[in-house]
Amino acid sequence: MTLALLTEFFFWCCVINGFLLTLWVILMMFAPDLVYKTQYKWFPISRESFSETMYRFLGLFKLMFLVFNLVPLVALKLIA
């Protein structure tokens, strides 16, 4: 596996996961009721619990994105 291939792999991981993170943030900002109603069909929880859970998962996803996608990409760019 070459350095260029690894760099390209992490670049596309960043693009895909960055898109998912952005989509999630936009949905939670502009259509939280839609997201809640959709999820309530599978997991009947209170609105407050749902908001707290989504906030925690969003933070966890952001940390995972940074640690496992962005940091390796930056490290590979610095090496090259």
C-alpha atoms as a PDB file:
ATOM      1  CA  MET A   1       0.000   0.000   0.000  1.00  0.00           C
ATOM      2  CA  THR A   2       1.497   3.298  -1.055  1.00  0.00           C
ATOM      3  CA  LEU A   3       1.436   6.605   0.750  1.00  0.00           C
ATOM      4  CA  ALA A   4      -0.604   8.146  -2.074  1.00  0.00           C
ATOM      5  CA  LEU A   5      -3.235   5.405  -1.847  1.00  0.00           C
ATOM      6  CA  LEU A   6      -3.540   5.808   1.922  1.00  0.00           C
ATOM      7  CA  THR A   7      -3.825   9.564   1.561  1.00  0.00           C
ATOM      8  CA  GLU A   8      -6.567   9.192  -1.033  1.00  0.00           C
ATOM      9  CA  PHE A   9      -8.386   6.656   1.150  1.00  0.00           C
ATOM     10  CA  PHE A  10      -8.423   8.983   4.163  1.00  0.00           C
ATOM     11  CA  PHE A  11      -9.403  11.905   1.963  1.00  0.00           C
ATOM     12  CA  TRP A  12     -12.509  10.089   0.747  1.00  0.00           C
ATOM     13  CA  CYS A  13     -13.262   8.912   4.293  1.00  0.00           C
ATOM     14  CA  CYS A  14     -13.162  12.569   5.358  1.00  0.00           C
ATOM     15  CA  VAL A  15     -15.421  13.612   2.493  1.00  0.00           C
ATOM     16  CA  ILE A  16     -18.035  10.931   3.164  1.00  0.00           C
ATOM     17  CA  ASN A  17     -18.033  11.229   6.950  1.00  0.00           C
ATOM     18  CA  GLY A  18     -17.871  15.026   6.765  1.00  0.00           C
ATOM     19  CA  PHE A  19     -20.951  14.974   4.563  1.00  0.00           C
ATOM     20  CA  LEU A  20     -22.778  12.700   7.011  1.00  0.00           C
ATOM     21  CA  LEU A  21     -21.806  14.918   9.942  1.00  0.00           C
ATOM     22  CA  THR A  22     -22.951  18.043   8.112  1.00  0.00           C
ATOM     23  CA  LEU A  23     -26.224  16.398   7.072  1.00  0.00           C
ATOM     24  CA  TRP A  24     -26.878  15.293  10.648  1.00  0.00           C
ATOM     25  CA  VAL A  25     -26.211  18.787  12.010  1.00  0.00           C
ATOM     26  CA  ILE A  26     -28.447  20.407   9.381  1.00  0.00           C
ATOM     27  CA  LEU A  27     -31.267  17.954  10.078  1.00  0.00           C
ATOM     28  CA  MET A  28     -31.003  18.500  13.826  1.00  0.00           C
ATOM     29  CA  MET A  29     -30.934  22.277  13.389  1.00  0.00           C
ATOM     30  CA  PHE A  30     -33.699  22.753  10.829  1.00  0.00           C
ATOM     31  CA  ALA A  31     -35.918  19.661  11.137  1.00  0.00           C
ATOM     32  CA  PRO A  32     -35.603  18.269  14.668  1.00  0.00           C
ATOM     33  CA  ASP A  33     -39.317  17.415  14.834  1.00  0.00           C
ATOM     34  CA  LEU A  34     -39.089  15.333  11.672  1.00  0.00           C
ATOM     35  CA  VAL A  35     -36.105  13.423  13.025  1.00  0.00           C
ATOM     36  CA  TYR A  36     -37.833  12.918  16.373  1.00  0.00           C
ATOM     37  CA  LYS A  37     -41.072  11.671  14.800  1.00  0.00           C
ATOM     38  CA  THR A  38     -39.168   9.279  12.553  1.00  0.00           C
ATOM     39  CA  GLN A  39     -37.116   7.847  15.406  1.00  0.00           C
ATOM     40  CA  TYR A  40     -40.040   7.753  17.847  1.00  0.00           C
ATOM     41  CA  LYS A  41     -41.666   5.019  15.760  1.00  0.00           C
ATOM     42  CA  TRP A  42     -38.781   2.676  16.638  1.00  0.00           C
ATOM     43  CA  PHE A  43     -37.693   4.036  20.022  1.00  0.00           C
ATOM     44  CA  PRO A  44     -40.481   5.637  22.068  1.00  0.00           C
ATOM     45  CA  ILE A  45     -38.579   8.046  24.338  1.00  0.00           C
ATOM     46  CA  SER A  46     -39.345  11.528  25.575  1.00  0.00           C
ATOM     47  CA  ARG A  47     -38.400  14.561  23.517  1.00  0.00           C
ATOM     48  CA  GLU A  48     -35.879  15.724  26.143  1.00  0.00           C
ATOM     49  CA  SER A  49     -34.152  12.340  26.236  1.00  0.00           C
ATOM     50  CA  PHE A  50     -34.078  12.264  22.454  1.00  0.00           C
ATOM     51  CA  SER A  51     -32.476  15.699  22.211  1.00  0.00           C
ATOM     52  CA  GLU A  52     -29.863  14.825  24.821  1.00  0.00           C
ATOM     53  CA  THR A  53     -29.089  11.496  23.157  1.00  0.00           C
ATOM     54  CA  MET A  54     -28.743  13.085  19.710  1.00  0.00           C
ATOM     55  CA  TYR A  55     -26.451  15.782  21.135  1.00  0.00           C
ATOM     56  CA  ARG A  56     -24.244  13.128  22.741  1.00  0.00           C
ATOM     57  CA  PHE A  57     -24.123  10.970  19.605  1.00  0.00           C
ATOM     58  CA  LEU A  58     -23.354  14.012  17.475  1.00  0.00           C
ATOM     59  CA  GLY A  59     -20.451  14.895  19.742  1.00  0.00           C
ATOM     60  CA  LEU A  60     -19.184  11.316  19.695  1.00  0.00           C
ATOM     61  CA  PHE A  61     -19.435  11.146  15.902  1.00  0.00           C
ATOM     62  CA  LYS A  62     -17.542  14.441  15.607  1.00  0.00           C
ATOM     63  CA  LEU A  63     -14.751  13.154  17.861  1.00  0.00           C
ATOM     64  CA  MET A  64     -14.545   9.889  15.938  1.00  0.00           C
ATOM     65  CA  PHE A  65     -14.445  11.819  12.675  1.00  0.00           C
ATOM     66  CA  LEU A  66     -11.577  13.949  13.908  1.00  0.00           C
ATOM     67  CA  VAL A  67      -9.559  11.122  15.467  1.00  0.00           C
ATOM     68  CA  PHE A  68     -10.032   8.411  12.851  1.00  0.00           C
ATOM     69  CA  ASN A  69     -10.390  10.445   9.635  1.00  0.00           C
ATOM     70  CA  LEU A  70      -9.021  13.960   9.790  1.00  0.00           C
ATOM     71  CA  VAL A  71      -5.948  13.441  11.985  1.00  0.00           C
ATOM     72  CA  PRO A  72      -4.603  10.526   9.894  1.00  0.00           C
ATOM     73  CA  LEU A  73      -5.194  12.535   6.725  1.00  0.00           C
ATOM     74  CA  VAL A  74      -3.291  15.520   8.100  1.00  0.00           C
ATOM     75  CA  ALA A  75      -0.477  13.250   9.297  1.00  0.00           C
ATOM     76  CA  LEU A  76      -0.203  11.643   5.860  1.00  0.00           C
ATOM     77  CA  LYS A  77      -0.192  15.066   4.187  1.00  0.00           C
ATOM     78  CA  LEU A  78       2.616  16.177   6.510  1.00  0.00           C
ATOM     79  CA  ILE A  79       4.658  13.055   5.761  1.00  0.00           C
ATOM     80  CA  ALA A  80       4.328  13.420   1.978  1.00  0.00           C
END
